[in-house]
All heavy atoms as atom14 arrays in JSON, in Angstrom:
{
  "sequence": "QVQLVESGGGLVQAGGSLRLSCAASGKIFSINAMRWYRQAPGKQREL",
  "atom14_mask": [
    [1, 1, 1, 1, 1, 1, 1, 1, 1, 0, 0, 0, 0, 0],
    [1, 1, 1, 1, 1, 1, 1, 0, 0, 0, 0, 0, 0, 0],
    [1, 1, 1, 1, 1, 1, 1, 1, 1, 0, 0, 0, 0, 0],
    [1, 1, 1, 1, 1, 1, 1, 1, 0, 0, 0, 0, 0, 0],
    [1, 1, 1, 1, 1, 1, 1, 0, 0, 0, 0, 0, 0, 0],
    [1, 1, 1, 1, 1, 1, 1, 1, 1, 0, 0, 0, 0, 0],
    [1, 1, 1, 1, 1, 1, 0, 0, 0, 0, 0, 0, 0, 0],
    [1, 1, 1, 1, 0, 0, 0, 0, 0, 0, 0, 0, 0, 0],
    [1, 1, 1, 1, 0, 0, 0, 0, 0, 0, 0, 0, 0, 0],
    [1, 1, 1, 1, 0, 0, 0, 0, 0, 0, 0, 0, 0, 0],
    [1, 1, 1, 1, 1, 1, 1, 1, 0, 0, 0, 0, 0, 0],
    [1, 1, 1, 1, 1, 1, 1, 0, 0, 0, 0, 0, 0, 0],
    [1, 1, 1, 1, 1, 1, 1, 1, 1, 0, 0, 0, 0, 0],
    [1, 1, 1, 1, 1, 0, 0, 0, 0, 0, 0, 0, 0, 0],
    [1, 1, 1, 1, 0, 0, 0, 0, 0, 0, 0, 0, 0, 0],
    [1, 1, 1, 1, 0, 0, 0, 0, 0, 0, 0, 0, 0, 0],
    [1, 1, 1, 1, 1, 1, 0, 0, 0, 0, 0, 0, 0, 0],
    [1, 1, 1, 1, 1, 1, 1, 1, 0, 0, 0, 0, 0, 0],
    [1, 1, 1, 1, 1, 1, 1, 1, 1, 1, 1, 0, 0, 0],
    [1, 1, 1, 1, 1, 1, 1, 1, 0, 0, 0, 0, 0, 0],
    [1, 1, 1, 1, 1, 1, 0, 0, 0, 0, 0, 0, 0, 0],
    [1, 1, 1, 1, 1, 1, 0, 0, 0, 0, 0, 0, 0, 0],
    [1, 1, 1, 1, 1, 0, 0, 0, 0, 0, 0, 0, 0, 0],
    [1, 1, 1, 1, 1, 0, 0, 0, 0, 0, 0, 0, 0, 0],
    [1, 1, 1, 1, 1, 1, 0, 0, 0, 0, 0, 0, 0, 0],
    [1, 1, 1, 1, 0, 0, 0, 0, 0, 0, 0, 0, 0, 0],
    [1, 1, 1, 1, 1, 1, 1, 1, 1, 0, 0, 0, 0, 0],
    [1, 1, 1, 1, 1, 1, 1, 1, 0, 0, 0, 0, 0, 0],
    [1, 1, 1, 1, 1, 1, 1, 1, 1, 1, 1, 0, 0, 0],
    [1, 1, 1, 1, 1, 1, 0, 0, 0, 0, 0, 0, 0, 0],
    [1, 1, 1, 1, 1, 1, 1, 1, 0, 0, 0, 0, 0, 0],
    [1, 1, 1, 1, 1, 1, 1, 1, 0, 0, 0, 0, 0, 0],
    [1, 1, 1, 1, 1, 0, 0, 0, 0, 0, 0, 0, 0, 0],
    [1, 1, 1, 1, 1, 1, 1, 1, 0, 0, 0, 0, 0, 0],
    [1, 1, 1, 1, 1, 1, 1, 1, 1, 1, 1, 0, 0, 0],
    [1, 1, 1, 1, 1, 1, 1, 1, 1, 1, 1, 1, 1, 1],
    [1, 1, 1, 1, 1, 1, 1, 1, 1, 1, 1, 1, 0, 0],
    [1, 1, 1, 1, 1, 1, 1, 1, 1, 1, 1, 0, 0, 0],
    [1, 1, 1, 1, 1, 1, 1, 1, 1, 0, 0, 0, 0, 0],
    [1, 1, 1, 1, 1, 0, 0, 0, 0, 0, 0, 0, 0, 0],
    [1, 1, 1, 1, 1, 1, 1, 0, 0, 0, 0, 0, 0, 0],
    [1, 1, 1, 1, 0, 0, 0, 0, 0, 0, 0, 0, 0, 0],
    [1, 1, 1, 1, 1, 1, 1, 1, 1, 0, 0, 0, 0, 0],
    [1, 1, 1, 1, 1, 1, 1, 1, 1, 0, 0, 0, 0, 0],
    [1, 1, 1, 1, 1, 1, 1, 1, 1, 1, 1, 0, 0, 0],
    [1, 1, 1, 1, 1, 1, 1, 1, 1, 0, 0, 0, 0, 0],
    [1, 1, 1, 1, 1, 1, 1, 1, 0, 0, 0, 0, 0, 0]
  ],
  "atom14_positions": [
    [[-106.85, 54.43, 63.52], [-106.34, 53.29, 64.2], [-104.95, 53.72, 64.84], [-104.23, 54.65, 64.39], [-106.19, 52.08, 63.35], [-107.52, 51.52, 62.97], [-107.38, 50.29, 62.13], [-106.21, 49.89, 61.78], [-108.4, 49.63, 61.84], [0.0, 0.0, 0.0], [0.0, 0.0, 0.0], [0.0, 0.0, 0.0], [0.0, 0.0, 0.0], [0.0, 0.0, 0.0]],
    [[-104.59, 52.97, 65.85], [-103.28, 53.15, 66.51], [-102.64, 51.76, 66.51], [-103.2, 50.77, 66.95], [-103.38, 53.72, 67.89], [-102.1, 53.77, 68.64], [-104.06, 55.1, 67.89], [0.0, 0.0, 0.0], [0.0, 0.0, 0.0], [0.0, 0.0, 0.0], [0.0, 0.0, 0.0], [0.0, 0.0, 0.0], [0.0, 0.0, 0.0], [0.0, 0.0, 0.0]],
    [[-101.37, 51.73, 66.2], [-100.57, 50.56, 66.32], [-99.46, 50.75, 67.32], [-98.83, 51.76, 67.53], [-99.87, 50.2, 64.93], [-100.82, 49.91, 63.84], [-101.39, 51.14, 63.16], [-100.67, 52.09, 62.94], [-102.73, 51.12, 62.97], [0.0, 0.0, 0.0], [0.0, 0.0, 0.0], [0.0, 0.0, 0.0], [0.0, 0.0, 0.0], [0.0, 0.0, 0.0]],
    [[-99.31, 49.69, 68.17], [-98.38, 49.77, 69.31], [-97.47, 48.54, 69.29], [-97.89, 47.45, 69.02], [-99.15, 49.74, 70.59], [-100.26, 50.75, 70.76], [-101.05, 50.43, 72.04], [-99.67, 52.13, 70.91], [0.0, 0.0, 0.0], [0.0, 0.0, 0.0], [0.0, 0.0, 0.0], [0.0, 0.0, 0.0], [0.0, 0.0, 0.0], [0.0, 0.0, 0.0]],
    [[-96.2, 48.9, 69.42], [-95.19, 47.87, 69.43], [-94.3, 48.01, 70.7], [-93.67, 48.99, 70.86], [-94.28, 47.92, 68.24], [-93.24, 46.79, 68.29], [-95.13, 47.71, 66.96], [0.0, 0.0, 0.0], [0.0, 0.0, 0.0], [0.0, 0.0, 0.0], [0.0, 0.0, 0.0], [0.0, 0.0, 0.0], [0.0, 0.0, 0.0], [0.0, 0.0, 0.0]],
    [[-94.35, 47.02, 71.57], [-93.55, 47.05, 72.83], [-92.2, 46.44, 72.57], [-92.02, 45.52, 71.71], [-94.2, 46.33, 73.96], [-95.58, 46.81, 74.32], [-96.77, 45.96, 73.8], [-96.6, 45.45, 72.66], [-97.77, 45.85, 74.44], [0.0, 0.0, 0.0], [0.0, 0.0, 0.0], [0.0, 0.0, 0.0], [0.0, 0.0, 0.0], [0.0, 0.0, 0.0]],
    [[-91.24, 46.82, 73.33], [-89.9, 46.3, 73.34], [-89.24, 46.52, 74.65], [-89.71, 47.32, 75.43], [-89.07, 46.78, 72.18], [-88.83, 48.17, 72.27], [0.0, 0.0, 0.0], [0.0, 0.0, 0.0], [0.0, 0.0, 0.0], [0.0, 0.0, 0.0], [0.0, 0.0, 0.0], [0.0, 0.0, 0.0], [0.0, 0.0, 0.0], [0.0, 0.0, 0.0]],
    [[-88.13, 45.83, 74.84], [-87.3, 46.11, 76.08], [-87.46, 45.14, 77.2], [-86.68, 45.17, 78.22], [0.0, 0.0, 0.0], [0.0, 0.0, 0.0], [0.0, 0.0, 0.0], [0.0, 0.0, 0.0], [0.0, 0.0, 0.0], [0.0, 0.0, 0.0], [0.0, 0.0, 0.0], [0.0, 0.0, 0.0], [0.0, 0.0, 0.0], [0.0, 0.0, 0.0]],
    [[-88.26, 44.12, 77.07], [-88.43, 43.13, 78.05], [-87.21, 42.23, 78.09], [-86.32, 42.31, 77.14], [0.0, 0.0, 0.0], [0.0, 0.0, 0.0], [0.0, 0.0, 0.0], [0.0, 0.0, 0.0], [0.0, 0.0, 0.0], [0.0, 0.0, 0.0], [0.0, 0.0, 0.0], [0.0, 0.0, 0.0], [0.0, 0.0, 0.0], [0.0, 0.0, 0.0]],
    [[-87.13, 41.43, 79.07], [-86.01, 40.55, 79.23], [-85.9, 39.91, 80.61], [-86.89, 39.94, 81.33], [0.0, 0.0, 0.0], [0.0, 0.0, 0.0], [0.0, 0.0, 0.0], [0.0, 0.0, 0.0], [0.0, 0.0, 0.0], [0.0, 0.0, 0.0], [0.0, 0.0, 0.0], [0.0, 0.0, 0.0], [0.0, 0.0, 0.0], [0.0, 0.0, 0.0]],
    [[-84.85, 39.29, 80.89], [-84.59, 38.66, 82.13], [-83.61, 39.41, 82.98], [-82.52, 39.8, 82.47], [-83.98, 37.24, 81.85], [-83.56, 36.48, 83.08], [-84.72, 36.15, 84.0], [-82.82, 35.21, 82.72], [0.0, 0.0, 0.0], [0.0, 0.0, 0.0], [0.0, 0.0, 0.0], [0.0, 0.0, 0.0], [0.0, 0.0, 0.0], [0.0, 0.0, 0.0]],
    [[-84.02, 39.82, 84.18], [-83.21, 40.58, 85.1], [-83.22, 39.87, 86.54], [-84.2, 39.17, 86.79], [-83.55, 42.03, 85.19], [-83.43, 42.68, 83.87], [-85.0, 42.12, 85.67], [0.0, 0.0, 0.0], [0.0, 0.0, 0.0], [0.0, 0.0, 0.0], [0.0, 0.0, 0.0], [0.0, 0.0, 0.0], [0.0, 0.0, 0.0], [0.0, 0.0, 0.0]],
    [[-82.23, 40.15, 87.3], [-82.24, 39.76, 88.75], [-83.13, 40.7, 89.56], [-83.16, 41.9, 89.24], [-80.81, 39.56, 89.24], [-80.04, 38.51, 88.58], [-78.96, 37.94, 89.56], [-79.21, 37.36, 90.56], [-77.67, 38.34, 89.19], [0.0, 0.0, 0.0], [0.0, 0.0, 0.0], [0.0, 0.0, 0.0], [0.0, 0.0, 0.0], [0.0, 0.0, 0.0]],
    [[-83.56, 40.2, 90.63], [-84.27, 41.06, 91.61], [-83.41, 42.22, 91.99], [-82.16, 42.08, 92.2], [-84.69, 40.26, 92.85], [0.0, 0.0, 0.0], [0.0, 0.0, 0.0], [0.0, 0.0, 0.0], [0.0, 0.0, 0.0], [0.0, 0.0, 0.0], [0.0, 0.0, 0.0], [0.0, 0.0, 0.0], [0.0, 0.0, 0.0], [0.0, 0.0, 0.0]],
    [[-84.05, 43.33, 92.07], [-83.3, 44.61, 92.33], [-82.76, 45.36, 91.08], [-82.34, 46.5, 91.22], [0.0, 0.0, 0.0], [0.0, 0.0, 0.0], [0.0, 0.0, 0.0], [0.0, 0.0, 0.0], [0.0, 0.0, 0.0], [0.0, 0.0, 0.0], [0.0, 0.0, 0.0], [0.0, 0.0, 0.0], [0.0, 0.0, 0.0], [0.0, 0.0, 0.0]],
    [[-82.85, 44.71, 89.98], [-82.39, 45.29, 88.79], [-83.4, 46.21, 88.13], [-84.54, 46.44, 88.64], [0.0, 0.0, 0.0], [0.0, 0.0, 0.0], [0.0, 0.0, 0.0], [0.0, 0.0, 0.0], [0.0, 0.0, 0.0], [0.0, 0.0, 0.0], [0.0, 0.0, 0.0], [0.0, 0.0, 0.0], [0.0, 0.0, 0.0], [0.0, 0.0, 0.0]],
    [[-83.07, 46.63, 86.9], [-83.89, 47.62, 86.13], [-84.12, 47.21, 84.75], [-83.21, 46.58, 84.14], [-83.33, 48.99, 86.26], [-83.19, 49.51, 87.56], [0.0, 0.0, 0.0], [0.0, 0.0, 0.0], [0.0, 0.0, 0.0], [0.0, 0.0, 0.0], [0.0, 0.0, 0.0], [0.0, 0.0, 0.0], [0.0, 0.0, 0.0], [0.0, 0.0, 0.0]],
    [[-85.24, 47.61, 84.22], [-85.5, 47.42, 82.77], [-86.28, 48.65, 82.35], [-86.94, 49.24, 83.16], [-86.37, 46.15, 82.49], [-85.7, 44.81, 82.4], [-86.75, 43.82, 82.21], [-84.65, 44.81, 81.26], [0.0, 0.0, 0.0], [0.0, 0.0, 0.0], [0.0, 0.0, 0.0], [0.0, 0.0, 0.0], [0.0, 0.0, 0.0], [0.0, 0.0, 0.0]],
    [[-86.15, 49.04, 81.1], [-86.91, 50.15, 80.46], [-87.66, 49.57, 79.27], [-87.02, 49.16, 78.27], [-85.95, 51.25, 80.05], [-86.67, 52.52, 79.55], [-85.7, 53.39, 78.86], [-86.32, 54.76, 78.64], [-85.87, 55.48, 77.68], [-84.97, 55.19, 76.79], [-86.48, 56.76, 77.54], [0.0, 0.0, 0.0], [0.0, 0.0, 0.0], [0.0, 0.0, 0.0]],
    [[-88.96, 49.59, 79.4], [-89.82, 49.13, 78.33], [-90.21, 50.33, 77.46], [-90.29, 51.48, 77.95], [-91.04, 48.49, 78.86], [-90.93, 47.37, 79.84], [-92.28, 46.83, 80.17], [-90.04, 46.24, 79.33], [0.0, 0.0, 0.0], [0.0, 0.0, 0.0], [0.0, 0.0, 0.0], [0.0, 0.0, 0.0], [0.0, 0.0, 0.0], [0.0, 0.0, 0.0]],
    [[-90.33, 50.02, 76.19], [-90.7, 51.1, 75.24], [-91.97, 50.67, 74.49], [-92.13, 49.5, 74.21], [-89.58, 51.32, 74.18], [-88.46, 51.83, 74.79], [0.0, 0.0, 0.0], [0.0, 0.0, 0.0], [0.0, 0.0, 0.0], [0.0, 0.0, 0.0], [0.0, 0.0, 0.0], [0.0, 0.0, 0.0], [0.0, 0.0, 0.0], [0.0, 0.0, 0.0]],
    [[-92.82, 51.6, 74.16], [-93.94, 51.35, 73.38], [-94.01, 52.41, 72.28], [-94.23, 53.55, 72.51], [-95.25, 51.44, 74.26], [-96.82, 51.3, 73.26], [0.0, 0.0, 0.0], [0.0, 0.0, 0.0], [0.0, 0.0, 0.0], [0.0, 0.0, 0.0], [0.0, 0.0, 0.0], [0.0, 0.0, 0.0], [0.0, 0.0, 0.0], [0.0, 0.0, 0.0]],
    [[-93.8, 51.94, 71.03], [-93.76, 52.83, 69.89], [-95.14, 52.82, 69.31], [-95.67, 51.86, 68.91], [-92.79, 52.39, 68.85], [0.0, 0.0, 0.0], [0.0, 0.0, 0.0], [0.0, 0.0, 0.0], [0.0, 0.0, 0.0], [0.0, 0.0, 0.0], [0.0, 0.0, 0.0], [0.0, 0.0, 0.0], [0.0, 0.0, 0.0], [0.0, 0.0, 0.0]],
    [[-95.72, 54.05, 69.25], [-97.1, 54.18, 68.66], [-97.01, 54.83, 67.37], [-96.22, 55.71, 67.05], [-97.93, 55.11, 69.65], [0.0, 0.0, 0.0], [0.0, 0.0, 0.0], [0.0, 0.0, 0.0], [0.0, 0.0, 0.0], [0.0, 0.0, 0.0], [0.0, 0.0, 0.0], [0.0, 0.0, 0.0], [0.0, 0.0, 0.0], [0.0, 0.0, 0.0]],
    [[-97.91, 54.35, 66.44], [-98.02, 54.99, 65.14], [-99.55, 54.94, 64.77], [-100.31, 54.35, 65.4], [-97.26, 54.2, 64.11], [-97.73, 52.8, 64.02], [0.0, 0.0, 0.0], [0.0, 0.0, 0.0], [0.0, 0.0, 0.0], [0.0, 0.0, 0.0], [0.0, 0.0, 0.0], [0.0, 0.0, 0.0], [0.0, 0.0, 0.0], [0.0, 0.0, 0.0]],
    [[-99.77, 55.6, 63.73], [-101.22, 55.83, 63.33], [-101.73, 57.12, 63.81], [-101.03, 58.17, 63.86], [0.0, 0.0, 0.0], [0.0, 0.0, 0.0], [0.0, 0.0, 0.0], [0.0, 0.0, 0.0], [0.0, 0.0, 0.0], [0.0, 0.0, 0.0], [0.0, 0.0, 0.0], [0.0, 0.0, 0.0], [0.0, 0.0, 0.0], [0.0, 0.0, 0.0]],
    [[-103.04, 57.11, 64.26], [-103.64, 58.37, 64.71], [-103.31, 58.64, 66.19], [-104.13, 58.65, 67.08], [-105.14, 58.27, 64.51], [-105.53, 58.12, 63.07], [-107.07, 57.99, 62.92], [-107.44, 57.97, 61.51], [-108.94, 57.89, 61.28], [0.0, 0.0, 0.0], [0.0, 0.0, 0.0], [0.0, 0.0, 0.0], [0.0, 0.0, 0.0], [0.0, 0.0, 0.0]],
    [[-102.01, 58.92, 66.36], [-101.55, 59.14, 67.75], [-102.15, 60.34, 68.38], [-102.19, 60.48, 69.56], [-99.97, 59.16, 67.93], [-99.48, 60.27, 67.01], [-99.49, 57.8, 67.46], [-97.93, 60.42, 67.13], [0.0, 0.0, 0.0], [0.0, 0.0, 0.0], [0.0, 0.0, 0.0], [0.0, 0.0, 0.0], [0.0, 0.0, 0.0], [0.0, 0.0, 0.0]],
    [[-102.61, 61.33, 67.56], [-103.19, 62.61, 68.06], [-104.54, 62.28, 68.74], [-104.98, 63.09, 69.48], [-103.42, 63.56, 66.94], [-104.2, 63.13, 65.75], [-105.61, 63.16, 65.82], [-103.73, 62.51, 64.7], [-106.37, 62.65, 64.8], [-104.38, 62.03, 63.62], [-105.8, 62.08, 63.7], [0.0, 0.0, 0.0], [0.0, 0.0, 0.0], [0.0, 0.0, 0.0]],
    [[-105.08, 61.17, 68.48], [-106.46, 60.81, 69.03], [-106.28, 60.08, 70.32], [-107.33, 59.72, 70.98], [-107.2, 59.94, 68.04], [-106.54, 58.64, 67.95], [0.0, 0.0, 0.0], [0.0, 0.0, 0.0], [0.0, 0.0, 0.0], [0.0, 0.0, 0.0], [0.0, 0.0, 0.0], [0.0, 0.0, 0.0], [0.0, 0.0, 0.0], [0.0, 0.0, 0.0]],
    [[-105.05, 59.81, 70.82], [-104.92, 59.07, 72.1], [-105.21, 60.02, 73.28], [-104.6, 61.0, 73.46], [-103.42, 58.56, 72.18], [-103.18, 57.59, 71.07], [-103.26, 57.85, 73.54], [-101.76, 57.09, 71.0], [0.0, 0.0, 0.0], [0.0, 0.0, 0.0], [0.0, 0.0, 0.0], [0.0, 0.0, 0.0], [0.0, 0.0, 0.0], [0.0, 0.0, 0.0]],
    [[-106.11, 59.51, 74.06], [-106.45, 60.23, 75.3], [-105.48, 59.89, 76.42], [-105.19, 60.72, 77.32], [-107.88, 59.8, 75.72], [-108.92, 60.31, 74.66], [-108.87, 61.43, 74.18], [-109.83, 59.35, 74.4], [0.0, 0.0, 0.0], [0.0, 0.0, 0.0], [0.0, 0.0, 0.0], [0.0, 0.0, 0.0], [0.0, 0.0, 0.0], [0.0, 0.0, 0.0]],
    [[-105.06, 58.6, 76.48], [-104.13, 58.21, 77.52], [-103.47, 56.96, 77.0], [-104.01, 56.25, 76.16], [-104.88, 57.87, 78.82], [0.0, 0.0, 0.0], [0.0, 0.0, 0.0], [0.0, 0.0, 0.0], [0.0, 0.0, 0.0], [0.0, 0.0, 0.0], [0.0, 0.0, 0.0], [0.0, 0.0, 0.0], [0.0, 0.0, 0.0], [0.0, 0.0, 0.0]],
    [[-102.34, 56.72, 77.49], [-101.58, 55.41, 77.28], [-101.37, 54.79, 78.59], [-101.08, 55.46, 79.66], [-100.3, 55.64, 76.5], [-100.54, 56.14, 75.09], [-99.15, 56.12, 74.05], [-99.02, 54.34, 73.78], [0.0, 0.0, 0.0], [0.0, 0.0, 0.0], [0.0, 0.0, 0.0], [0.0, 0.0, 0.0], [0.0, 0.0, 0.0], [0.0, 0.0, 0.0]],
    [[-101.32, 53.46, 78.66], [-101.26, 52.7, 79.9], [-100.36, 51.52, 79.64], [-100.2, 50.99, 78.5], [-102.61, 52.26, 80.33], [-103.62, 53.34, 80.67], [-104.96, 52.8, 81.09], [-105.79, 53.91, 81.56], [-106.68, 54.56, 80.74], [-106.75, 54.29, 79.51], [-107.44, 55.5, 81.31], [0.0, 0.0, 0.0], [0.0, 0.0, 0.0], [0.0, 0.0, 0.0]],
    [[-99.76, 51.09, 80.67], [-99.1, 49.85, 80.76], [-99.89, 48.95, 81.7], [-100.2, 49.26, 82.73], [-97.67, 49.95, 81.25], [-96.66, 50.57, 80.31], [-96.29, 51.87, 80.22], [-95.87, 49.87, 79.3], [-95.34, 52.04, 79.25], [-95.13, 50.85, 78.67], [-95.89, 48.53, 78.87], [-94.26, 50.52, 77.53], [-95.1, 48.2, 77.77], [-94.33, 49.19, 77.17]],
    [[-100.11, 47.76, 81.13], [-100.76, 46.66, 81.84], [-99.75, 45.46, 81.99], [-98.79, 45.45, 81.18], [-102.03, 46.09, 81.19], [-103.25, 46.99, 81.33], [-103.44, 48.05, 80.47], [-104.16, 46.77, 82.25], [-104.5, 48.92, 80.57], [-105.37, 47.5, 82.39], [-105.49, 48.61, 81.55], [-106.65, 49.4, 81.56], [0.0, 0.0, 0.0], [0.0, 0.0, 0.0]],
    [[-100.04, 44.61, 82.91], [-99.18, 43.33, 82.94], [-100.16, 42.26, 83.32], [-101.12, 42.39, 83.92], [-98.04, 43.52, 83.9], [-98.42, 43.57, 85.28], [-97.19, 43.81, 86.17], [-97.48, 43.95, 87.6], [-96.63, 44.24, 88.55], [-95.35, 44.57, 88.23], [-96.94, 44.23, 89.8], [0.0, 0.0, 0.0], [0.0, 0.0, 0.0], [0.0, 0.0, 0.0]],
    [[-99.77, 41.1, 82.88], [-100.44, 39.82, 83.21], [-99.47, 38.71, 83.5], [-98.66, 38.41, 82.62], [-101.42, 39.41, 82.15], [-102.36, 38.32, 82.52], [-103.6, 38.17, 81.63], [-103.49, 38.55, 80.45], [-104.63, 37.64, 82.13], [0.0, 0.0, 0.0], [0.0, 0.0, 0.0], [0.0, 0.0, 0.0], [0.0, 0.0, 0.0], [0.0, 0.0, 0.0]],
    [[-99.51, 38.26, 84.78], [-98.72, 37.16, 85.12], [-99.4, 35.86, 84.93], [-100.73, 35.86, 84.93], [-98.27, 37.27, 86.63], [0.0, 0.0, 0.0], [0.0, 0.0, 0.0], [0.0, 0.0, 0.0], [0.0, 0.0, 0.0], [0.0, 0.0, 0.0], [0.0, 0.0, 0.0], [0.0, 0.0, 0.0], [0.0, 0.0, 0.0], [0.0, 0.0, 0.0]],
    [[-98.82, 34.77, 84.81], [-99.49, 33.46, 84.65], [-100.43, 33.15, 85.7], [-100.15, 33.29, 86.89], [-98.37, 32.4, 84.6], [-97.1, 33.2, 84.16], [-97.32, 34.5, 84.72], [0.0, 0.0, 0.0], [0.0, 0.0, 0.0], [0.0, 0.0, 0.0], [0.0, 0.0, 0.0], [0.0, 0.0, 0.0], [0.0, 0.0, 0.0], [0.0, 0.0, 0.0]],
    [[-101.63, 32.82, 85.36], [-102.68, 32.49, 86.33], [-103.3, 33.67, 87.07], [-104.07, 33.47, 87.98], [0.0, 0.0, 0.0], [0.0, 0.0, 0.0], [0.0, 0.0, 0.0], [0.0, 0.0, 0.0], [0.0, 0.0, 0.0], [0.0, 0.0, 0.0], [0.0, 0.0, 0.0], [0.0, 0.0, 0.0], [0.0, 0.0, 0.0], [0.0, 0.0, 0.0]],
    [[-103.0, 34.9, 86.64], [-103.48, 36.11, 87.33], [-104.14, 37.0, 86.35], [-103.96, 36.86, 85.08], [-102.34, 36.83, 88.04], [-101.6, 36.03, 89.09], [-100.7, 36.99, 89.84], [-100.05, 36.16, 90.97], [-101.04, 35.67, 91.97], [0.0, 0.0, 0.0], [0.0, 0.0, 0.0], [0.0, 0.0, 0.0], [0.0, 0.0, 0.0], [0.0, 0.0, 0.0]],
    [[-105.08, 37.8, 86.81], [-105.78, 38.74, 86.0], [-104.83, 39.88, 85.59], [-103.79, 40.12, 86.15], [-106.92, 39.32, 86.79], [-108.05, 38.4, 87.09], [-109.21, 39.04, 87.81], [-109.11, 40.16, 88.33], [-110.39, 38.38, 87.76], [0.0, 0.0, 0.0], [0.0, 0.0, 0.0], [0.0, 0.0, 0.0], [0.0, 0.0, 0.0], [0.0, 0.0, 0.0]],
    [[-105.2, 40.43, 84.32], [-104.45, 41.59, 83.94], [-104.52, 42.77, 84.93], [-105.56, 43.05, 85.45], [-104.96, 41.99, 82.59], [-104.2, 43.15, 81.92], [-104.68, 43.33, 80.46], [-104.13, 42.26, 79.63], [-104.3, 42.17, 78.32], [-105.07, 43.15, 77.7], [-103.85, 41.12, 77.62], [0.0, 0.0, 0.0], [0.0, 0.0, 0.0], [0.0, 0.0, 0.0]],
    [[-103.4, 43.39, 85.14], [-103.29, 44.4, 86.15], [-102.87, 45.61, 85.55], [-101.88, 45.7, 84.7], [-102.26, 43.97, 87.18], [-101.89, 45.02, 88.27], [-100.72, 44.64, 89.14], [-100.09, 43.65, 88.81], [-100.58, 45.3, 90.16], [0.0, 0.0, 0.0], [0.0, 0.0, 0.0], [0.0, 0.0, 0.0], [0.0, 0.0, 0.0], [0.0, 0.0, 0.0]],
    [[-103.51, 46.73, 85.9], [-103.07, 48.09, 85.4], [-101.91, 48.52, 86.19], [-101.85, 48.65, 87.42], [-104.21, 49.08, 85.62], [-103.89, 50.57, 85.15], [-103.57, 50.7, 83.75], [-105.09, 51.49, 85.5], [0.0, 0.0, 0.0], [0.0, 0.0, 0.0], [0.0, 0.0, 0.0], [0.0, 0.0, 0.0], [0.0, 0.0, 0.0], [0.0, 0.0, 0.0]]
  ]
}
């Protein structure tokens, strides 16, 4: 199994920057790929 914990989100103004982190633990050697998705209210999840 793999456990994932995201952090780094917040509120920024347009034009600004953020750095998100995803800490993985468990069987990380088995990971073929890692991805970031997002989902906005009322919208489908986006890769």
